[in-house]
Amino acid sequence: MSDAFEPLIGEWEVEVPAFGGHGRTIFERLGAFVVQRSIVPDPGPDSVSIIGDGVVNYFDARGVKRIYQTSLDGRVWKIWRDDPDDFSQRFSGTLAEDGSTISGAWEKCMDGETWEFDFEMIYTKVSAR
């Protein structure tokens, strides 16, 4: 895996204004992979993601399993999946120049054509690992 995801490594406070409260996300290296562990307030589920070669394998406490594509190009982090049998999702976040925050939002597409805002996410780096 390239070092493209190196700016994410560390512990982050996560805010989802629509849900209220704050959660924690930790990104850490595991060999060639980056593991993301997230603990979030209700109604969001705790989750684990394994990032490698532009793919994210996502698992959460509800039993949901999803495969996403991902990239971190410069300061823009993208995550997306196209699933015509379920629904499609995409996230785009911008890493601040100093690497201290990521501001972004998720969108969803339920009909295969129309994208709509889902929710905003703000990551604030607590510590580098």
Protein backbone atom coordinates (compact mmCIF):
# COMPACT_ATOMS: atom_id res chain seq x y z
CA MET A 1 0.00 0.00 0.00
CA SER A 2 1.28 3.46 -0.77
CA ASP A 3 1.82 6.08 1.86
CA ALA A 4 -1.15 8.09 0.52
CA PHE A 5 -3.16 7.32 3.67
CA GLU A 6 -0.34 8.25 6.07
CA PRO A 7 -1.99 11.63 6.93
CA LEU A 8 -4.91 9.69 8.46
CA ILE A 9 -2.77 7.68 10.90
CA GLY A 10 -3.62 8.64 14.48
CA GLU A 11 -6.61 9.23 16.71
CA TRP A 12 -9.44 11.53 15.66
CA GLU A 13 -12.53 12.94 17.33
CA VAL A 14 -15.49 12.59 14.96
CA GLU A 15 -18.50 14.88 14.95
CA VAL A 16 -21.68 14.19 13.01
CA PRO A 17 -23.78 17.32 13.67
CA ALA A 18 -27.04 15.67 12.56
CA PHE A 19 -26.62 12.91 15.17
CA GLY A 20 -25.20 15.07 17.98
CA GLY A 21 -22.37 13.95 20.20
CA HIS A 22 -18.85 12.95 19.33
CA GLY A 23 -17.15 9.69 18.54
CA ARG A 24 -13.58 8.46 18.13
CA THR A 25 -11.80 6.99 15.15
CA ILE A 26 -8.34 5.47 15.20
CA PHE A 27 -6.39 4.82 12.00
CA GLU A 28 -3.36 2.57 12.38
CA ARG A 29 -1.07 0.57 10.16
CA LEU A 30 -1.29 -3.21 10.12
CA GLY A 31 1.39 -4.36 7.71
CA ALA A 32 0.35 -3.25 4.23
CA PHE A 33 -3.11 -2.18 5.45
CA VAL A 34 -4.65 0.69 7.38
CA VAL A 35 -7.23 -0.32 9.99
CA GLN A 36 -9.90 2.19 10.99
CA ARG A 37 -11.74 1.56 14.27
CA SER A 38 -14.68 3.85 15.02
CA ILE A 39 -16.69 4.23 18.20
CA VAL A 40 -19.62 6.57 17.65
CA PRO A 41 -22.66 7.74 19.64
CA ASP A 42 -26.16 6.49 18.87
CA PRO A 43 -27.68 6.20 16.36
CA GLY A 44 -24.43 5.45 14.51
CA PRO A 45 -22.93 1.95 14.79
CA ASP A 46 -19.38 1.20 15.94
CA SER A 47 -17.34 -0.11 13.02
CA VAL A 48 -14.06 -1.49 11.71
CA SER A 49 -12.68 -0.87 8.23
CA ILE A 50 -9.66 -2.38 6.55
CA ILE A 51 -8.12 -0.19 3.85
CA GLY A 52 -5.78 -1.63 1.23
CA ASP A 53 -5.04 -1.06 -2.46
CA GLY A 54 -7.82 1.50 -2.89
CA VAL A 55 -10.47 -0.78 -1.34
CA VAL A 56 -12.25 -0.47 2.00
CA ASN A 57 -13.80 -3.52 3.65
CA TYR A 58 -16.33 -2.14 6.16
CA PHE A 59 -17.97 -4.03 9.04
CA ASP A 60 -20.24 -2.57 11.72
CA ALA A 61 -22.04 -3.54 14.91
CA ARG A 62 -25.35 -3.97 13.05
CA GLY A 63 -23.83 -6.80 11.02
CA VAL A 64 -23.53 -4.65 7.89
CA LYS A 65 -20.64 -5.54 5.55
CA ARG A 66 -19.80 -3.33 2.58
CA ILE A 67 -16.98 -2.93 0.08
CA TYR A 68 -16.05 0.60 -0.97
CA GLN A 69 -13.42 2.15 -3.21
CA THR A 70 -11.22 4.87 -1.69
CA SER A 71 -8.54 7.39 -2.55
CA LEU A 72 -6.61 10.10 -0.75
CA ASP A 73 -5.26 12.37 -3.44
CA GLY A 74 -3.45 15.37 -2.01
CA ARG A 75 -5.89 16.69 0.57
CA VAL A 76 -9.10 15.14 -0.84
CA TRP A 77 -10.26 11.84 0.66
CA LYS A 78 -12.97 9.98 -1.25
CA ILE A 79 -14.90 6.82 -0.42
CA TRP A 80 -17.59 5.42 -2.71
CA ARG A 81 -19.63 2.39 -3.67
CA ASP A 82 -22.06 1.82 -6.51
CA ASP A 83 -24.64 -0.83 -5.70
CA PRO A 84 -27.67 -0.91 -8.01
CA ASP A 85 -29.24 -3.72 -5.93
CA ASP A 86 -29.13 -1.73 -2.67
CA PHE A 87 -28.08 1.92 -2.77
CA SER A 88 -24.95 3.86 -3.68
CA GLN A 89 -22.92 6.06 -1.35
CA ARG A 90 -20.06 8.49 -1.59
CA PHE A 91 -17.99 10.55 0.85
CA SER A 92 -15.73 13.44 0.04
CA GLY A 93 -13.64 15.13 2.71
CA THR A 94 -10.93 17.75 2.63
CA LEU A 95 -7.88 17.48 4.86
CA ALA A 96 -6.82 20.85 6.26
CA GLU A 97 -3.39 22.08 5.15
CA ASP A 98 -1.99 21.49 8.65
CA GLY A 99 -3.54 17.97 8.77
CA SER A 100 -5.58 18.75 11.89
CA THR A 101 -9.10 18.36 10.49
CA ILE A 102 -11.06 16.64 7.76
CA SER A 103 -14.38 18.22 6.78
CA GLY A 104 -16.67 16.23 4.56
CA ALA A 105 -20.07 14.81 3.85
CA TRP A 106 -21.74 11.57 2.79
CA GLU A 107 -24.24 11.43 -0.03
CA LYS A 108 -26.55 8.60 -1.06
CA CYS A 109 -28.32 7.57 -4.24
CA MET A 110 -31.39 5.38 -3.83
CA ASP A 111 -32.64 5.31 -7.43
CA GLY A 112 -29.40 4.95 -9.41
CA GLU A 113 -29.56 8.56 -10.67
CA THR A 114 -30.27 11.18 -8.02
CA TRP A 115 -27.66 11.96 -5.37
CA GLU A 116 -28.80 13.55 -2.10
CA PHE A 117 -27.00 14.84 0.97
CA ASP A 118 -26.92 12.27 3.78
CA PHE A 119 -24.84 13.73 6.61
CA GLU A 120 -21.79 15.86 7.40
CA MET A 121 -18.71 14.50 9.21
CA ILE A 122 -15.92 16.50 10.84
CA TYR A 123 -12.74 14.77 11.99
CA THR A 124 -10.40 16.58 14.39
CA LYS A 125 -7.01 14.98 15.04
CA VAL A 126 -6.40 14.28 18.72
CA SER A 127 -2.99 12.60 18.41
CA ALA A 128 -0.64 11.13 15.84
CA ARG A 129 0.36 7.51 16.39
